[in-house]
Protein backbone atom coordinates (compact mmCIF):
# COMPACT_ATOMS: atom_id res chain seq x y z
CA MET A 1 174.27 158.29 278.50
CA LYS A 2 175.48 161.84 279.07
CA ALA A 3 172.12 163.53 278.31
CA ASP A 4 172.65 163.12 274.58
CA PRO A 5 169.46 162.09 272.71
CA SER A 6 171.51 160.32 270.02
CA ASN A 7 172.85 158.07 272.80
CA TRP A 8 169.27 157.46 273.95
CA ARG A 9 168.26 156.37 270.44
CA SER A 10 171.27 154.07 270.04
CA TYR A 11 170.64 152.44 273.40
CA ALA A 12 166.93 152.03 272.66
CA VAL A 13 167.64 150.30 269.34
CA TYR A 14 170.14 148.04 271.10
CA GLU A 15 167.61 147.09 273.79
CA VAL A 16 164.78 146.47 271.30
CA SER A 17 167.07 144.36 269.08
CA LYS A 18 168.10 142.31 272.08
CA ARG A 19 164.51 141.76 273.23
CA LEU A 20 163.30 140.82 269.75
CA GLN A 21 166.47 138.79 269.10
CA CYS A 22 166.96 140.53 265.75
CA ASP A 23 170.08 141.96 264.13
CA VAL A 24 168.84 145.45 263.31
CA ILE A 25 165.74 147.67 263.37
CA VAL A 26 165.07 149.05 259.89
CA ALA A 27 163.51 152.51 259.48
CA ALA A 28 163.50 153.10 263.23
CA THR A 29 161.60 156.13 264.48
CA PHE A 30 161.54 157.31 268.05
CA ASN A 31 159.14 158.93 270.47
CA ILE A 32 161.28 160.23 273.34
CA MET A 33 159.56 161.29 276.56
CA TYR A 34 161.28 162.54 279.68
CA ASP A 35 160.44 164.53 282.77
CA GLU A 36 162.06 167.95 282.34
CA VAL A 37 161.83 168.60 286.08
CA ALA A 38 163.80 165.44 286.88
CA GLY A 39 166.24 166.08 284.04
CA ASP A 40 167.18 163.00 282.02
CA GLN A 41 166.82 160.67 284.98
CA ASP A 42 163.56 159.16 283.71
CA VAL A 43 163.59 158.74 279.93
CA GLN A 44 161.06 156.60 278.07
CA ILE A 45 161.70 155.83 274.42
CA GLU A 46 159.25 154.20 272.06
CA VAL A 47 160.92 152.60 269.02
CA VAL A 48 158.89 151.86 265.90
CA GLY A 49 160.48 149.98 263.03
CA TYR A 50 160.91 146.64 261.34
CA PRO A 51 163.05 143.92 262.92
CA ALA A 52 165.47 142.40 260.41
CA TYR A 53 167.84 139.47 260.45
CA PHE A 54 171.09 139.13 258.53
CA THR A 55 171.56 136.03 256.41
CA ASN A 56 174.76 134.93 254.74
CA TRP A 57 176.70 137.49 256.78
CA GLN A 58 180.30 137.90 255.64
CA THR A 59 183.20 140.04 256.75
CA ALA A 60 184.19 142.74 254.26
CA THR A 61 187.23 141.92 252.16
CA THR A 62 190.03 144.35 251.27
CA GLN A 63 188.38 144.82 247.86
CA ASP A 64 185.04 145.63 249.52
CA LEU A 65 186.67 148.24 251.75
CA GLU A 66 188.42 149.82 248.77
CA TRP A 67 185.12 150.00 246.87
CA ILE A 68 183.45 151.65 249.89
CA ARG A 69 186.30 154.15 250.16
CA LEU A 70 186.01 155.02 246.47
CA GLU A 71 182.23 155.39 246.65
CA LYS A 72 182.57 157.82 249.55
CA THR A 73 184.66 160.13 247.38
CA ILE A 74 181.90 160.58 244.80
CA THR A 75 180.17 163.90 245.37
CA THR A 76 176.45 164.43 245.29
CA ALA A 77 176.94 166.26 241.99
CA GLU A 78 178.07 162.92 240.58
CA SER A 79 175.33 160.89 242.23
CA ASP A 80 174.20 159.58 238.84
CA LYS A 81 177.47 157.60 238.73
CA VAL A 82 176.63 155.63 241.89
CA GLY A 83 175.35 152.18 241.04
CA ALA A 84 174.33 149.10 242.95
CA ALA A 85 177.01 146.58 243.85
CA ILE A 86 176.19 143.25 242.26
CA ARG A 87 178.21 140.23 243.16
CA GLU A 88 178.24 137.29 240.82
CA PRO A 89 177.47 133.96 242.53
CA ALA A 90 180.48 131.75 243.14
CA THR A 91 180.92 128.89 240.71
CA ASN A 92 182.09 125.52 241.95
């Protein structure tokens, strides 16, 4: 993990998600403990958060990706222009 704490956090979330059989840990916080004498050889990470499960998971469409790209270009000075994405239910 190349002694990078961000790698430690990512790996810890992966392991916890796998053990809990959930899709993601929401609002994850970390308590990282390691022996400074031994370097990063013995790292213990406590993860606190809420396990969550995706429902109705769908791959992003070209339109979704374009919307995301456009939203990224809005500056924080224009944050009042950012609104929630609401998708109308499909009609049969």
